Amino acid sequence: MLSVQDAKQILMKHIKKMPSKPILIQEATGRIVSADVKSNIDVPSFDNSAMDGYAFRHQSKKDSFTVVKSIQAGDYSSTEVKPNEAVRIFTGAALPPGCDTVIQQELCMITDNVVSFDFTKTHKGANTRLRGSQNKSGDVILKAGSLIRPGVVGLLASVGVTRVMVYDMPSVAVIVTGNELQENGTELKAGCIYNSNEPTLHALLKQTGIYNIQSTRVKDNAELLLEKIKSYLTSYDLLILTGGISVGDYDYVRGALKEAGVNELFYKVKQKPGKPLLVGVKDNKTIFALPGNPAAVISCFYQYVRPTILTMMGYEHAFQPSSMMPIASEISVKKGLTYFLKAKRKDGKLIILPGQDSFNLLPFAEAECLLSIDEGIEYLPANSLVEVYNL
């Protein structure tokens, strides 16, 4: 069996980024830019006022000026303002020729169309935004690999960009296996359990930003399973299976993947939950065969599937933990396995929740994160720092 770190290293070497495509900037939040973005204009594209006030020529060194006109945002005047003149101006309005300074209105007095103020309260260029002071035409304003946040959308819009090149999102197929699975909304039969993995994976994928999802449930039948695997591998970028990956008489997933031509990268990882994890590739497609236990599905998704998807979408360092935090109480574990434990935060520390069994979903009602305890550790005292992965 591989260690968690070795498994992740092998996986990372085989992840391929998705192709690029242009999308509207208002749909690009959360995406990664695949090519540098340059501005086609100077920003600001004209000298303008940063305040409501009065614009004048500073070299006049006067403390009173005749107000000759009013300019609001969106207006433009080509008439040069003389040294003894000023204009009433509003925030964002273009400075007319001859003006280089704005005095805010709170410092002014107006009498008979004459504005007066204390000249020592200002300086040349005060309260103005000069053309190109943010960026010049041709400047790179967003580098390839950057994450698009709402503020970035505003930046792109401000230079007239309507579409941006980003890495595409992968399409994902999900196969949940097991004769025992029964759909929600039906009366539960003896020996059966409700199908929780399928809706859980839909939720996890959507949280990751993936909406092109196809899923199905397949009974423990080798031929049907192989048929569905082959079908999905022709149409989707990533395939996730749950259940049927151990060594029981009805665990057909590993054999079906091999028969479908999947190149197995690794099988079984020294971790809890989720030891019987298989990861493979075929034709630049990535395949995850997760255990059937629901908590193991969630843990493996956050540790392997989600960072793989994010890396495919251009994210860097997707496999790294979210943070390091101290645990509130001591903990002892069995040496030789990496443990992923459900926890919540309180007073700057991690509270490890009860019910860590791989079938038990109840801790997720409170869990905010998974903490990781390395395979070489048997005991950690209170306040020990551990890796944290946000849920």
Protein backbone atom coordinates (compact mmCIF):
# COMPACT_ATOMS: atom_id res chain seq x y z
CA MET A 1 0.00 0.00 0.00
CA LEU A 2 1.07 3.55 -0.70
CA SER A 3 1.31 6.37 1.78
CA VAL A 4 -1.06 9.29 1.31
CA GLN A 5 1.79 11.55 0.20
CA ASP A 6 3.09 9.03 -2.34
CA ALA A 7 -0.42 8.48 -3.72
CA LYS A 8 -0.93 12.23 -4.15
CA GLN A 9 2.47 12.64 -5.81
CA ILE A 10 1.67 9.91 -8.33
CA LEU A 11 -1.74 11.40 -9.03
CA MET A 12 -0.41 14.93 -9.49
CA LYS A 13 2.08 13.78 -12.15
CA HIS A 14 -0.76 12.49 -14.31
CA ILE A 15 -3.24 15.39 -14.10
CA LYS A 16 -3.70 17.27 -17.36
CA LYS A 17 -5.10 20.79 -17.52
CA MET A 18 -8.32 21.25 -19.45
CA PRO A 19 -8.32 23.11 -22.78
CA SER A 20 -8.97 26.84 -22.75
CA LYS A 21 -12.07 28.62 -23.93
CA PRO A 22 -13.40 32.20 -23.91
CA ILE A 23 -16.31 32.97 -21.57
CA LEU A 24 -18.20 36.09 -20.59
CA ILE A 25 -16.55 37.88 -17.69
CA GLN A 26 -19.77 37.88 -15.64
CA GLU A 27 -19.68 34.07 -15.76
CA ALA A 28 -15.97 33.76 -14.96
CA THR A 29 -15.87 34.10 -11.17
CA GLY A 30 -13.95 31.18 -9.67
CA ARG A 31 -12.22 30.32 -12.94
CA ILE A 32 -8.49 30.44 -13.74
CA VAL A 33 -7.18 32.67 -16.53
CA SER A 34 -5.25 30.65 -19.13
CA ALA A 35 -3.61 33.57 -20.98
CA ASP A 36 -2.38 37.04 -20.04
CA VAL A 37 -5.02 39.76 -20.38
CA LYS A 38 -3.92 43.16 -21.71
CA SER A 39 -5.75 46.45 -21.53
CA ASN A 40 -6.72 48.10 -24.79
CA ILE A 41 -7.08 51.52 -23.19
CA ASP A 42 -5.46 53.85 -20.71
CA VAL A 43 -7.25 53.81 -17.36
CA PRO A 44 -8.42 56.39 -16.58
CA SER A 45 -8.81 57.28 -20.24
CA PHE A 46 -8.86 61.00 -19.39
CA ASP A 47 -7.79 63.26 -16.52
CA ASN A 48 -10.71 63.51 -14.11
CA SER A 49 -11.79 64.72 -10.72
CA ALA A 50 -11.63 62.49 -7.65
CA MET A 51 -13.91 64.81 -5.67
CA ASP A 52 -16.93 67.04 -5.89
CA GLY A 53 -15.44 70.53 -5.83
CA TYR A 54 -13.84 73.18 -8.04
CA ALA A 55 -11.16 72.70 -10.68
CA PHE A 56 -8.58 75.41 -11.38
CA ARG A 57 -5.04 76.06 -12.59
CA HIS A 58 -2.69 75.69 -9.62
CA GLN A 59 0.09 77.91 -11.00
CA SER A 60 -2.27 80.87 -10.72
CA LYS A 61 -1.62 80.86 -6.97
CA LYS A 62 -4.90 82.67 -6.38
CA ASP A 63 -7.39 82.13 -3.58
CA SER A 64 -10.46 83.22 -5.51
CA PHE A 65 -11.72 82.36 -9.00
CA THR A 66 -14.70 83.16 -11.16
CA VAL A 67 -16.79 80.04 -11.72
CA VAL A 68 -17.46 79.86 -15.46
CA LYS A 69 -19.24 76.54 -15.88
CA SER A 70 -20.32 73.27 -14.24
CA ILE A 71 -19.12 69.84 -15.44
CA GLN A 72 -20.67 66.60 -14.26
CA ALA A 73 -19.59 63.01 -14.91
CA GLY A 74 -20.16 62.15 -18.56
CA ASP A 75 -19.76 65.74 -19.75
CA TYR A 76 -16.76 67.06 -21.63
CA SER A 77 -15.63 70.61 -22.28
CA SER A 78 -12.90 71.47 -24.82
CA THR A 79 -12.83 75.15 -23.86
CA GLU A 80 -9.64 76.08 -22.02
CA VAL A 81 -10.16 77.50 -18.54
CA LYS A 82 -8.27 80.75 -17.99
CA PRO A 83 -5.91 81.38 -15.01
CA ASN A 84 -8.49 83.48 -13.14
CA GLU A 85 -11.31 81.00 -13.77
CA ALA A 86 -12.56 77.80 -12.11
CA VAL A 87 -15.24 75.25 -12.95
CA ARG A 88 -17.70 73.49 -10.69
CA ILE A 89 -16.83 69.81 -11.11
CA PHE A 90 -18.16 66.49 -9.84
CA THR A 91 -16.51 63.17 -9.07
CA GLY A 92 -15.46 61.35 -12.23
CA ALA A 93 -15.97 64.32 -14.52
CA ALA A 94 -13.26 65.13 -17.07
CA LEU A 95 -10.94 68.01 -16.21
CA PRO A 96 -11.23 70.72 -18.88
CA PRO A 97 -8.09 72.09 -20.57
CA GLY A 98 -6.23 74.50 -18.31
CA CYS A 99 -7.21 72.80 -15.02
CA ASP A 100 -4.84 70.58 -13.06
CA THR A 101 -6.10 70.72 -9.47
CA VAL A 102 -9.40 70.21 -7.63
CA ILE A 103 -10.27 71.73 -4.25
CA GLN A 104 -13.02 69.84 -2.45
CA GLN A 105 -16.25 71.75 -1.99
CA GLU A 106 -16.14 71.53 1.82
CA LEU A 107 -13.13 73.92 1.83
CA CYS A 108 -14.75 76.52 -0.41
CA MET A 109 -16.97 79.56 -0.05
CA ILE A 110 -19.17 80.79 -2.91
CA THR A 111 -20.17 84.44 -3.22
CA ASP A 112 -21.72 85.92 -6.35
CA ASN A 113 -20.33 83.16 -8.58
CA VAL A 114 -16.85 83.50 -7.13
CA VAL A 115 -15.23 80.59 -5.32
CA SER A 116 -12.66 81.35 -2.62
CA PHE A 117 -10.56 79.10 -0.38
CA ASP A 118 -7.29 78.92 1.54
CA PHE A 119 -4.67 78.24 -1.16
CA THR A 120 -2.34 76.63 1.41
CA LYS A 121 -4.89 73.84 1.90
CA THR A 122 -4.19 72.39 -1.52
CA HIS A 123 -1.35 71.42 -3.85
CA LYS A 124 -0.89 70.91 -7.56
CA GLY A 125 -2.69 67.82 -8.81
CA ALA A 126 -4.75 67.43 -5.64
CA ASN A 127 -7.93 65.33 -5.96
CA THR A 128 -7.30 64.42 -9.59
CA ARG A 129 -6.90 61.11 -11.39
CA LEU A 130 -4.51 61.39 -14.33
CA ARG A 131 -4.93 59.50 -17.58
CA GLY A 132 -3.20 56.12 -17.43
CA SER A 133 -2.50 56.32 -13.68
CA GLN A 134 -4.04 52.83 -13.18
CA ASN A 135 -2.62 51.30 -16.34
CA LYS A 136 -1.55 52.15 -19.86
CA SER A 137 -2.92 50.67 -23.05
CA GLY A 138 -1.08 47.42 -23.72
CA ASP A 139 -0.25 46.75 -20.06
CA VAL A 140 -0.85 43.21 -18.76
CA ILE A 141 -3.55 43.67 -16.14
CA LEU A 142 -4.12 39.98 -15.37
CA LYS A 143 -1.53 37.22 -15.65
CA ALA A 144 -2.21 33.67 -16.78
CA GLY A 145 -2.92 31.48 -13.75
CA SER A 146 -4.80 34.21 -11.88
CA LEU A 147 -8.05 33.40 -10.08
CA ILE A 148 -11.00 35.48 -11.20
CA ARG A 149 -12.77 36.99 -8.21
CA PRO A 150 -15.60 39.56 -8.37
CA GLY A 151 -13.10 42.41 -8.13
CA VAL A 152 -11.22 41.01 -11.11
CA VAL A 153 -14.47 41.01 -13.09
CA GLY A 154 -14.74 44.72 -12.31
CA LEU A 155 -11.15 45.27 -13.46
CA LEU A 156 -11.79 43.49 -16.76
CA ALA A 157 -15.01 45.39 -17.35
CA SER A 158 -13.28 48.70 -16.65
CA VAL A 159 -10.93 48.20 -19.60
CA GLY A 160 -13.68 47.03 -21.94
CA VAL A 161 -12.97 43.30 -21.83
CA THR A 162 -16.15 41.25 -22.35
CA ARG A 163 -14.68 37.75 -22.61
CA VAL A 164 -11.65 36.12 -21.03
CA MET A 165 -9.74 32.90 -21.78
CA VAL A 166 -10.07 30.40 -18.93
CA TYR A 167 -9.44 26.70 -18.42
CA ASP A 168 -12.57 24.71 -19.12
CA MET A 169 -14.39 22.75 -16.43
CA PRO A 170 -14.28 18.95 -16.73
CA SER A 171 -17.42 16.94 -17.29
CA VAL A 172 -17.92 14.26 -14.65
CA ALA A 173 -19.71 10.92 -14.65
CA VAL A 174 -20.67 9.11 -11.44
CA ILE A 175 -21.46 5.41 -11.03
CA VAL A 176 -22.68 4.17 -7.66
CA THR A 177 -22.72 0.39 -7.29
CA GLY A 178 -24.51 -2.04 -5.01
CA ASN A 179 -27.62 -4.24 -4.93
CA GLU A 180 -28.39 -2.89 -1.49
CA LEU A 181 -28.92 0.70 -2.63
CA GLN A 182 -32.43 2.07 -2.67
CA GLU A 183 -33.60 5.47 -3.83
CA ASN A 184 -34.90 8.10 -1.42
CA GLY A 185 -38.66 8.52 -1.32
CA THR A 186 -39.34 4.79 -1.27
CA GLU A 187 -40.09 2.56 1.68
CA LEU A 188 -36.82 1.04 2.83
CA LYS A 189 -36.72 -2.73 2.37
CA ALA A 190 -35.07 -5.14 4.79
CA GLY A 191 -31.34 -5.41 4.09
CA CYS A 192 -31.24 -2.24 1.97
CA ILE A 193 -29.87 1.25 2.55
CA TYR A 194 -30.72 4.56 0.95
CA ASN A 195 -28.48 5.75 -1.85
CA SER A 196 -26.67 8.63 -0.15
CA ASN A 197 -23.47 8.61 -2.19
CA GLU A 198 -25.05 9.77 -5.43
CA PRO A 199 -26.66 12.99 -4.12
CA THR A 200 -23.60 13.59 -1.94
CA LEU A 201 -21.27 13.48 -4.94
CA HIS A 202 -23.57 15.79 -6.88
CA ALA A 203 -23.36 18.28 -3.99
CA LEU A 204 -19.58 17.93 -3.69
CA LEU A 205 -19.08 18.43 -7.42
CA LYS A 206 -21.32 21.48 -7.51
CA GLN A 207 -19.45 22.94 -4.55
CA THR A 208 -16.29 22.49 -6.64
CA GLY A 209 -17.92 24.37 -9.52
CA ILE A 210 -18.86 21.37 -11.68
CA TYR A 211 -22.37 21.23 -13.12
CA ASN A 212 -21.90 18.98 -16.17
CA ILE A 213 -22.63 15.81 -14.20
CA GLN A 214 -24.13 12.49 -15.29
CA SER A 215 -24.81 9.79 -12.72
CA THR A 216 -26.34 6.36 -12.53
CA ARG A 217 -26.73 3.42 -10.16
CA VAL A 218 -25.53 -0.03 -11.27
CA LYS A 219 -26.28 -3.27 -9.49
CA ASP A 220 -23.52 -5.76 -8.71
CA ASN A 221 -23.34 -7.12 -12.23
CA ALA A 222 -19.96 -7.29 -13.99
CA GLU A 223 -21.32 -7.00 -17.54
CA LEU A 224 -23.61 -4.06 -16.83
CA LEU A 225 -20.85 -2.31 -14.92
CA LEU A 226 -18.33 -2.74 -17.76
CA GLU A 227 -20.84 -1.46 -20.29
CA LYS A 228 -21.55 1.67 -18.28
CA ILE A 229 -17.84 2.34 -17.61
CA LYS A 230 -17.00 2.10 -21.32
CA SER A 231 -19.88 4.39 -22.21
CA TYR A 232 -18.92 7.07 -19.70
CA LEU A 233 -15.22 6.95 -20.59
CA THR A 234 -16.04 7.94 -24.16
CA SER A 235 -18.06 10.98 -23.13
CA TYR A 236 -16.72 12.43 -19.86
CA ASP A 237 -13.42 13.85 -18.64
CA LEU A 238 -13.54 12.29 -15.20
CA LEU A 239 -15.24 9.18 -13.83
CA ILE A 240 -16.07 8.51 -10.18
CA LEU A 241 -17.29 5.13 -8.93
CA THR A 242 -18.35 4.21 -5.41
CA GLY A 243 -18.47 0.75 -3.89
CA GLY A 244 -17.40 -2.61 -5.27
CA ILE A 245 -13.70 -1.84 -4.99
CA SER A 246 -12.69 -4.19 -2.17
CA VAL A 247 -11.95 -7.93 -2.54
CA GLY A 248 -15.38 -9.47 -1.97
CA ASP A 249 -17.07 -11.93 -4.31
CA TYR A 250 -19.30 -9.17 -5.71
CA ASP A 251 -16.69 -6.41 -5.97
CA TYR A 252 -16.40 -6.05 -9.73
CA VAL A 253 -15.13 -2.50 -10.13
CA ARG A 254 -11.38 -3.14 -10.29
CA GLY A 255 -11.74 -5.91 -12.83
CA ALA A 256 -14.16 -3.91 -14.96
CA LEU A 257 -11.83 -0.92 -15.04
CA LYS A 258 -8.94 -3.12 -16.14
CA GLU A 259 -11.05 -4.70 -18.87
CA ALA A 260 -12.10 -1.21 -20.02
CA GLY A 261 -8.43 -0.33 -20.58
CA VAL A 262 -7.88 1.85 -17.53
CA ASN A 263 -4.24 2.18 -16.51
CA GLU A 264 -4.17 1.73 -12.74
CA LEU A 265 -1.98 4.31 -11.02
CA PHE A 266 -2.44 2.90 -7.54
CA TYR A 267 -4.78 0.75 -5.47
CA LYS A 268 -5.11 0.97 -1.69
CA VAL A 269 -3.70 3.77 0.40
CA LYS A 270 -2.56 3.70 4.02
CA GLN A 271 -5.36 5.93 5.26
CA LYS A 272 -8.55 5.88 7.27
CA PRO A 273 -11.17 6.20 6.06
CA GLY A 274 -10.84 5.17 2.42
CA LYS A 275 -8.10 2.53 2.30
CA PRO A 276 -9.49 0.64 -0.76
CA LEU A 277 -9.07 3.62 -3.11
CA LEU A 278 -8.19 3.07 -6.78
CA VAL A 279 -7.06 5.79 -9.15
CA GLY A 280 -6.41 5.26 -12.85
CA VAL A 281 -6.14 7.06 -16.17
CA LYS A 282 -7.16 6.41 -19.74
CA ASP A 283 -6.76 8.77 -22.71
CA ASN A 284 -6.21 11.84 -20.47
CA LYS A 285 -9.27 10.90 -18.44
CA THR A 286 -8.98 10.33 -14.70
CA ILE A 287 -10.87 7.57 -12.91
CA PHE A 288 -11.53 7.37 -9.17
CA ALA A 289 -12.95 4.21 -7.61
CA LEU A 290 -13.94 5.16 -4.08
CA PRO A 291 -15.05 2.89 -1.24
CA GLY A 292 -18.77 2.57 -0.70
CA ASN A 293 -18.89 3.84 2.87
CA PRO A 294 -20.34 7.39 2.77
CA ALA A 295 -17.83 9.08 5.08
CA ALA A 296 -14.99 7.49 3.12
CA VAL A 297 -16.48 8.86 -0.10
CA ILE A 298 -16.52 12.39 1.31
CA SER A 299 -13.00 12.18 2.77
CA CYS A 300 -11.53 10.75 -0.45
CA PHE A 301 -13.32 13.39 -2.50
CA TYR A 302 -11.77 16.25 -0.53
CA GLN A 303 -8.32 14.65 -0.48
CA TYR A 304 -8.07 13.42 -4.07
CA VAL A 305 -11.01 14.18 -6.36
CA ARG A 306 -11.57 17.88 -5.59
CA PRO A 307 -7.88 18.88 -5.85
CA THR A 308 -7.62 16.91 -9.10
CA ILE A 309 -10.58 18.78 -10.58
CA LEU A 310 -9.21 22.13 -9.44
CA THR A 311 -5.80 21.33 -10.91
CA MET A 312 -7.48 20.41 -14.21
CA MET A 313 -9.13 23.85 -14.10
CA GLY A 314 -5.76 25.58 -13.69
CA TYR A 315 -5.55 25.98 -9.91
CA GLU A 316 -2.09 25.75 -8.33
CA HIS A 317 -1.37 24.05 -5.01
CA ALA A 318 -4.84 22.47 -4.88
CA PHE A 319 -3.56 19.51 -2.84
CA GLN A 320 -2.17 21.65 -0.04
CA PRO A 321 -4.04 21.92 3.28
CA SER A 322 -6.16 24.99 3.94
CA SER A 323 -4.30 25.85 7.14
CA MET A 324 -2.61 24.56 10.28
CA MET A 325 -4.46 24.67 13.61
CA PRO A 326 -4.04 23.29 17.14
CA ILE A 327 -6.23 20.47 18.44
CA ALA A 328 -8.18 21.19 21.61
CA SER A 329 -7.50 17.82 23.25
CA GLU A 330 -5.00 14.98 23.03
CA ILE A 331 -5.54 12.12 20.62
CA SER A 332 -4.18 8.61 20.17
CA VAL A 333 -4.41 6.67 16.89
CA LYS A 334 -3.07 3.46 15.41
CA LYS A 335 0.37 3.96 13.86
CA GLY A 336 0.79 3.19 10.17
CA LEU A 337 -2.25 4.96 8.78
CA THR A 338 -2.97 8.59 7.92
CA TYR A 339 -6.20 9.59 9.62
CA PHE A 340 -8.67 12.12 8.27
CA LEU A 341 -10.91 13.17 11.14
CA LYS A 342 -14.05 15.30 11.10
CA ALA A 343 -13.69 18.40 13.24
CA LYS A 344 -15.14 21.80 14.02
CA ARG A 345 -13.47 25.03 15.10
CA LYS A 346 -14.01 26.61 18.49
CA ASP A 347 -12.01 29.38 20.14
CA GLY A 348 -9.19 29.00 17.63
CA LYS A 349 -8.82 25.25 18.15
CA LEU A 350 -10.07 22.06 16.53
CA ILE A 351 -12.67 19.93 18.29
CA ILE A 352 -12.51 16.35 17.02
CA LEU A 353 -16.07 15.09 16.68
CA PRO A 354 -17.36 11.74 17.92
CA GLY A 355 -18.49 9.09 15.42
CA GLN A 356 -15.48 8.85 13.11
CA ASP A 357 -16.50 5.48 11.62
CA SER A 358 -16.51 5.39 7.82
CA PHE A 359 -20.25 4.58 7.66
CA ASN A 360 -21.23 7.39 10.03
CA LEU A 361 -22.44 10.60 8.42
CA LEU A 362 -23.77 12.20 11.61
CA PRO A 363 -20.53 14.15 12.36
CA PHE A 364 -20.97 16.03 9.08
CA ALA A 365 -23.92 17.82 10.64
CA GLU A 366 -21.32 19.78 12.65
CA ALA A 367 -18.05 19.25 10.78
CA GLU A 368 -16.35 22.28 9.23
CA CYS A 369 -13.14 20.59 8.19
CA LEU A 370 -11.04 17.45 8.08
CA LEU A 371 -7.82 17.31 10.05
CA SER A 372 -4.96 15.04 9.03
CA ILE A 373 -2.77 12.96 11.33
CA ASP A 374 0.27 11.49 9.57
CA GLU A 375 0.85 7.72 9.47
CA GLY A 376 3.97 7.93 11.63
CA ILE A 377 2.10 9.44 14.60
CA GLU A 378 0.49 7.50 17.46
CA TYR A 379 -0.12 10.28 19.95
CA LEU A 380 -0.60 14.04 19.83
CA PRO A 381 -0.95 16.16 22.98
CA ALA A 382 -3.44 18.99 23.20
CA ASN A 383 -2.47 22.12 21.26
CA SER A 384 -0.48 20.15 18.67
CA LEU A 385 -0.67 21.70 15.20
CA VAL A 386 -2.28 19.60 12.47
CA GLU A 387 -3.13 20.08 8.80
CA VAL A 388 -6.66 21.30 8.14
CA TYR A 389 -8.75 20.79 4.98
CA ASN A 390 -11.89 22.90 4.71
CA LEU A 391 -15.15 21.16 3.86
